[in-house]
């Protein structure tokens, strides 16, 4: 049974993004389009594997969560796909904490994983959610290093100062 739907983009030539160009050139000059058309050849699929170093430098202008107008913040660093989880130490009574902590995370598939940083307020009897940053790894994979300030989503105020570094470990897998 044939599929009756046609791909409206198949006949048109679109320019590639810089990441697609980099990936295509890293397949050793093999024309991916011709490989896909012939089922007798194996297609090379690039898996972007590497180590992501996440340095949580500091935060600014965090919302006050305690009665005294302060917070006891810490950051939970997670990778969505691999569910790797790390956390910074708690900085007591600060709305502008400095951590300067680095975490190295092995990423199996950088193009399809996401980095999630959640800021929490530590309390004696639990924790309060303060906000988060969610990002793809595309920018750090392309640039190698990123040092930037990221606003907290879901918070009245606040931003995280981060330094991200990517160390690639490419893998080529044969797929049918």
Protein backbone atom coordinates (compact mmCIF):
# COMPACT_ATOMS: atom_id res chain seq x y z
CA UNK A 1 0.00 0.00 0.00
CA UNK A 2 1.51 3.32 -1.04
CA UNK A 3 1.33 6.52 0.93
CA UNK A 4 -0.92 9.01 -0.88
CA UNK A 5 0.63 12.05 0.77
CA UNK A 6 3.46 13.89 -0.90
CA UNK A 7 6.17 15.93 0.74
CA UNK A 8 5.71 19.56 -0.39
CA UNK A 9 9.36 20.28 0.37
CA UNK A 10 10.87 17.36 -1.54
CA UNK A 11 11.16 19.13 -4.91
CA UNK A 12 12.53 22.41 -3.54
CA UNK A 13 16.08 23.20 -2.49
CA UNK A 14 16.35 24.84 0.91
CA UNK A 15 19.51 26.17 2.45
CA UNK A 16 20.88 24.27 5.39
CA UNK A 17 21.40 25.69 8.85
CA UNK A 18 24.99 26.05 10.00
CA UNK A 19 24.58 22.99 12.22
CA UNK A 20 23.28 20.89 9.30
CA UNK A 21 26.22 22.06 7.15
CA UNK A 22 28.69 21.11 9.87
CA UNK A 23 27.10 17.70 10.28
CA UNK A 24 26.95 17.08 6.53
CA UNK A 25 30.61 18.01 6.10
CA UNK A 26 31.58 15.71 8.97
CA UNK A 27 30.27 12.66 7.07
CA UNK A 28 33.52 12.66 5.07
CA UNK A 29 32.07 14.16 1.92
CA UNK A 30 29.46 11.43 1.45
CA UNK A 31 26.35 12.81 -0.24
CA UNK A 32 23.56 12.01 2.24
CA UNK A 33 20.80 12.54 -0.36
CA UNK A 34 22.16 9.89 -2.73
CA UNK A 35 22.65 7.46 0.15
CA UNK A 36 19.04 7.89 1.24
CA UNK A 37 17.75 7.19 -2.29
CA UNK A 38 19.57 3.89 -2.64
CA UNK A 39 18.45 1.20 -0.25
CA UNK A 40 21.41 -1.06 -1.08
CA UNK A 41 23.87 1.31 0.63
CA UNK A 42 23.98 1.98 4.32
CA UNK A 43 23.27 5.48 5.53
CA UNK A 44 25.68 7.13 7.97
CA UNK A 45 23.91 8.80 10.85
CA UNK A 46 25.88 11.26 12.95
CA UNK A 47 25.34 11.05 16.68
CA UNK A 48 26.56 14.18 18.46
CA UNK A 49 28.07 12.77 21.64
CA UNK A 50 30.25 14.69 24.04
CA UNK A 51 30.84 16.14 27.46
CA UNK A 52 28.92 19.23 28.49
CA UNK A 53 30.60 21.24 31.24
CA UNK A 54 28.04 23.41 33.02
CA UNK A 55 29.42 26.08 35.35
CA UNK A 56 26.72 27.69 37.45
CA UNK A 57 28.42 30.99 38.20
CA UNK A 58 25.76 33.01 39.98
CA UNK A 59 22.19 34.31 39.98
CA UNK A 60 20.87 37.84 40.10
CA UNK A 61 17.67 39.41 41.38
CA UNK A 62 16.07 36.19 42.63
CA UNK A 63 12.60 36.52 44.18
CA UNK A 64 12.41 36.60 47.99
CA UNK A 65 10.88 33.37 49.25
CA UNK A 66 11.40 33.67 53.02
CA UNK A 67 9.52 35.81 55.50
CA UNK A 68 12.68 37.83 56.11
CA UNK A 69 12.84 38.90 52.42
CA UNK A 70 15.64 36.51 51.49
CA UNK A 71 16.04 33.09 49.89
CA UNK A 72 18.31 30.09 50.36
CA UNK A 73 18.77 29.19 46.67
CA UNK A 74 20.37 26.23 44.97
CA UNK A 75 20.27 25.00 41.36
CA UNK A 76 19.30 21.54 40.09
CA UNK A 77 20.93 20.71 36.74
CA UNK A 78 19.22 18.00 34.64
CA UNK A 79 19.49 16.53 31.18
CA UNK A 80 16.04 15.68 29.85
CA UNK A 81 16.84 12.50 27.90
CA UNK A 82 19.45 10.88 30.12
CA UNK A 83 17.83 12.16 33.33
CA UNK A 84 21.27 13.00 34.72
CA UNK A 85 20.85 15.15 37.82
CA UNK A 86 23.27 17.35 39.79
CA UNK A 87 22.80 20.18 42.25
CA UNK A 88 24.76 23.10 43.61
CA UNK A 89 25.26 23.83 47.26
CA UNK A 90 22.74 26.05 49.07
CA UNK A 91 23.70 29.71 49.49
CA UNK A 92 21.95 30.96 52.61
CA UNK A 93 20.02 34.25 52.77
CA UNK A 94 20.86 35.63 49.34
CA UNK A 95 18.95 37.00 46.35
CA UNK A 96 22.23 37.31 44.38
CA UNK A 97 24.05 34.04 45.19
CA UNK A 98 27.42 32.97 43.79
CA UNK A 99 28.12 29.25 43.37
CA UNK A 100 30.99 28.92 40.86
CA UNK A 101 30.38 25.17 40.63
CA UNK A 102 31.13 23.10 37.52
CA UNK A 103 29.45 19.85 36.54
CA UNK A 104 30.63 17.60 33.69
CA UNK A 105 27.81 15.68 32.03
CA UNK A 106 28.25 12.98 29.39
CA UNK A 107 25.67 13.63 26.66
CA UNK A 108 24.85 10.71 24.36
CA UNK A 109 22.80 12.65 21.78
CA UNK A 110 23.42 16.40 21.93
CA UNK A 111 21.04 17.28 19.10
CA UNK A 112 18.04 15.76 20.84
CA UNK A 113 18.71 16.45 24.51
CA UNK A 114 17.87 19.52 26.59
CA UNK A 115 19.54 21.16 29.56
CA UNK A 116 17.18 22.11 32.38
CA UNK A 117 18.32 24.28 35.29
CA UNK A 118 15.82 24.75 38.11
CA UNK A 119 16.34 27.19 40.96
CA UNK A 120 14.92 26.14 44.32
CA UNK A 121 14.72 27.75 47.74
CA UNK A 122 15.90 25.43 50.50
CA UNK A 123 13.75 25.47 53.62
CA UNK A 124 14.00 23.51 56.84
CA UNK A 125 10.72 21.78 56.01
CA UNK A 126 11.00 21.30 52.25
CA UNK A 127 11.78 23.40 49.20
CA UNK A 128 10.08 26.06 47.09
CA UNK A 129 10.34 26.29 43.30
CA UNK A 130 11.73 29.65 42.14
CA UNK A 131 12.08 29.31 38.33
CA UNK A 132 13.97 27.53 35.58
CA UNK A 133 15.93 27.79 32.32
CA UNK A 134 15.41 25.22 29.58
CA UNK A 135 17.73 25.18 26.58
CA UNK A 136 18.81 23.03 23.68
CA UNK A 137 22.51 22.31 23.23
CA UNK A 138 22.69 23.61 19.63
CA UNK A 139 24.41 26.91 20.50
CA UNK A 140 27.10 25.40 22.71
CA UNK A 141 27.72 22.56 20.22
CA UNK A 142 28.23 25.08 17.39
CA UNK A 143 30.23 27.67 19.36
CA UNK A 144 32.14 25.32 21.68
CA UNK A 145 31.81 27.71 24.62
CA UNK A 146 28.97 29.97 25.77
CA UNK A 147 29.09 32.45 28.62
CA UNK A 148 25.75 34.19 29.03
CA UNK A 149 22.94 35.31 31.32
CA UNK A 150 19.65 33.42 31.04
CA UNK A 151 16.34 34.72 32.44
CA UNK A 152 14.38 32.46 34.78
CA UNK A 153 11.08 31.27 33.35
CA UNK A 154 8.14 31.11 35.72
CA UNK A 155 9.67 33.57 38.19
CA UNK A 156 8.77 37.16 39.01
CA UNK A 157 12.42 38.05 38.53
CA UNK A 158 15.85 36.50 38.34
CA UNK A 159 18.49 35.29 35.94
CA UNK A 160 21.28 32.73 35.93
CA UNK A 161 24.86 33.44 34.86
CA UNK A 162 26.23 30.32 33.21
CA UNK A 163 29.34 29.15 31.40
CA UNK A 164 28.82 26.15 29.10
CA UNK A 165 31.56 24.25 27.30
CA UNK A 166 31.19 21.41 24.79
CA UNK A 167 33.85 18.74 24.22
CA UNK A 168 32.74 16.62 21.24
CA UNK A 169 33.15 12.87 20.92
CA UNK A 170 31.54 12.06 17.54
CA UNK A 171 30.18 8.60 16.83
CA UNK A 172 29.17 7.25 13.42
CA UNK A 173 26.56 4.51 13.36
CA UNK A 174 25.49 2.51 10.33
CA UNK A 175 21.74 2.38 9.91
CA UNK A 176 19.66 0.65 7.30
